[in-house]
């Protein structure tokens, strides 16, 4: 049942964490922090990749609207990137 309801699953996880002994809880929290840090780094890497692709598209003279659509970057950001490059 917990696997079907995200809120219930989260509550079960919190209950499991609270019932751990202090050392195990510390290890659990350290692991959770590491997983969040890794996810953040991956997100930053994806963003950097999108910006590099956008720069190449701008240099090829492609339409800013198309660049924003294809890279999923906000139009204003693509426009600012173009202004920065020129």
Protein backbone atom coordinates (compact mmCIF):
# COMPACT_ATOMS: atom_id res chain seq x y z
CA UNK A 1 0.00 0.00 0.00
CA UNK A 2 2.85 2.41 0.79
CA UNK A 3 4.29 1.87 -2.69
CA UNK A 4 1.03 3.14 -4.21
CA UNK A 5 0.75 6.34 -2.17
CA UNK A 6 3.81 8.64 -2.23
CA UNK A 7 2.78 10.43 0.98
CA UNK A 8 2.34 7.15 2.82
CA UNK A 9 5.67 5.91 1.50
CA UNK A 10 7.35 9.08 2.77
CA UNK A 11 5.72 8.63 6.20
CA UNK A 12 6.96 5.02 6.37
CA UNK A 13 10.49 6.17 5.49
CA UNK A 14 10.39 8.82 8.24
CA UNK A 15 9.15 6.24 10.74
CA UNK A 16 11.94 3.84 9.75
CA UNK A 17 14.51 6.61 10.14
CA UNK A 18 13.19 7.64 13.55
CA UNK A 19 13.34 4.07 14.84
CA UNK A 20 17.03 3.59 14.00
CA UNK A 21 19.73 3.67 16.64
CA UNK A 22 21.78 6.92 16.64
CA UNK A 23 24.76 5.54 14.71
CA UNK A 24 22.60 3.91 12.03
CA UNK A 25 20.46 7.07 11.79
CA UNK A 26 23.63 9.14 11.24
CA UNK A 27 24.74 6.76 8.47
CA UNK A 28 21.26 6.91 6.91
CA UNK A 29 21.23 10.72 6.96
CA UNK A 30 24.75 10.87 5.49
CA UNK A 31 23.68 8.56 2.67
CA UNK A 32 20.56 10.63 1.97
CA UNK A 33 22.66 13.81 1.84
CA UNK A 34 25.14 12.18 -0.53
CA UNK A 35 22.32 11.06 -2.85
CA UNK A 36 20.87 14.59 -2.89
CA UNK A 37 24.32 16.06 -3.60
CA UNK A 38 24.84 13.65 -6.50
CA UNK A 39 21.43 14.52 -7.94
CA UNK A 40 22.27 18.22 -7.66
CA UNK A 41 25.60 17.78 -9.43
CA UNK A 42 23.93 15.85 -12.23
CA UNK A 43 21.35 18.61 -12.59
CA UNK A 44 24.09 21.24 -12.80
CA UNK A 45 25.88 19.17 -15.45
CA UNK A 46 22.74 18.92 -17.55
CA UNK A 47 22.28 22.67 -17.36
CA UNK A 48 25.87 23.31 -18.41
CA UNK A 49 25.37 20.97 -21.36
CA UNK A 50 22.22 22.80 -22.41
CA UNK A 51 24.04 26.13 -22.26
CA UNK A 52 26.90 24.81 -24.41
CA UNK A 53 24.44 23.52 -27.00
CA UNK A 54 22.59 26.84 -26.94
CA UNK A 55 25.87 28.70 -27.57
CA UNK A 56 26.60 26.52 -30.59
CA UNK A 57 23.08 27.04 -31.94
CA UNK A 58 23.38 30.82 -31.48
CA UNK A 59 26.71 30.83 -33.31
CA UNK A 60 25.03 28.95 -36.20
CA UNK A 61 22.46 31.75 -36.41
CA UNK A 62 19.48 29.67 -35.34
CA UNK A 63 16.29 31.37 -34.14
CA UNK A 64 16.25 32.07 -30.42
CA UNK A 65 12.73 30.66 -30.08
CA UNK A 66 13.89 27.36 -31.56
CA UNK A 67 16.95 27.29 -29.30
CA UNK A 68 14.78 27.86 -26.23
CA UNK A 69 12.39 25.12 -27.31
CA UNK A 70 15.07 22.57 -28.14
CA UNK A 71 17.24 23.17 -25.05
CA UNK A 72 14.29 23.74 -22.69
CA UNK A 73 15.98 26.92 -21.47
CA UNK A 74 13.85 30.02 -20.85
CA UNK A 75 13.74 32.33 -23.88
CA UNK A 76 15.02 35.23 -21.78
CA UNK A 77 18.07 33.20 -20.80
CA UNK A 78 18.82 32.30 -24.42
CA UNK A 79 18.42 35.95 -25.37
CA UNK A 80 20.80 37.03 -22.57
CA UNK A 81 23.29 34.37 -23.68
CA UNK A 82 23.17 35.74 -27.24
CA UNK A 83 23.76 39.28 -26.00
CA UNK A 84 26.70 38.05 -23.94
CA UNK A 85 28.24 36.29 -26.96
CA UNK A 86 27.93 39.28 -29.30
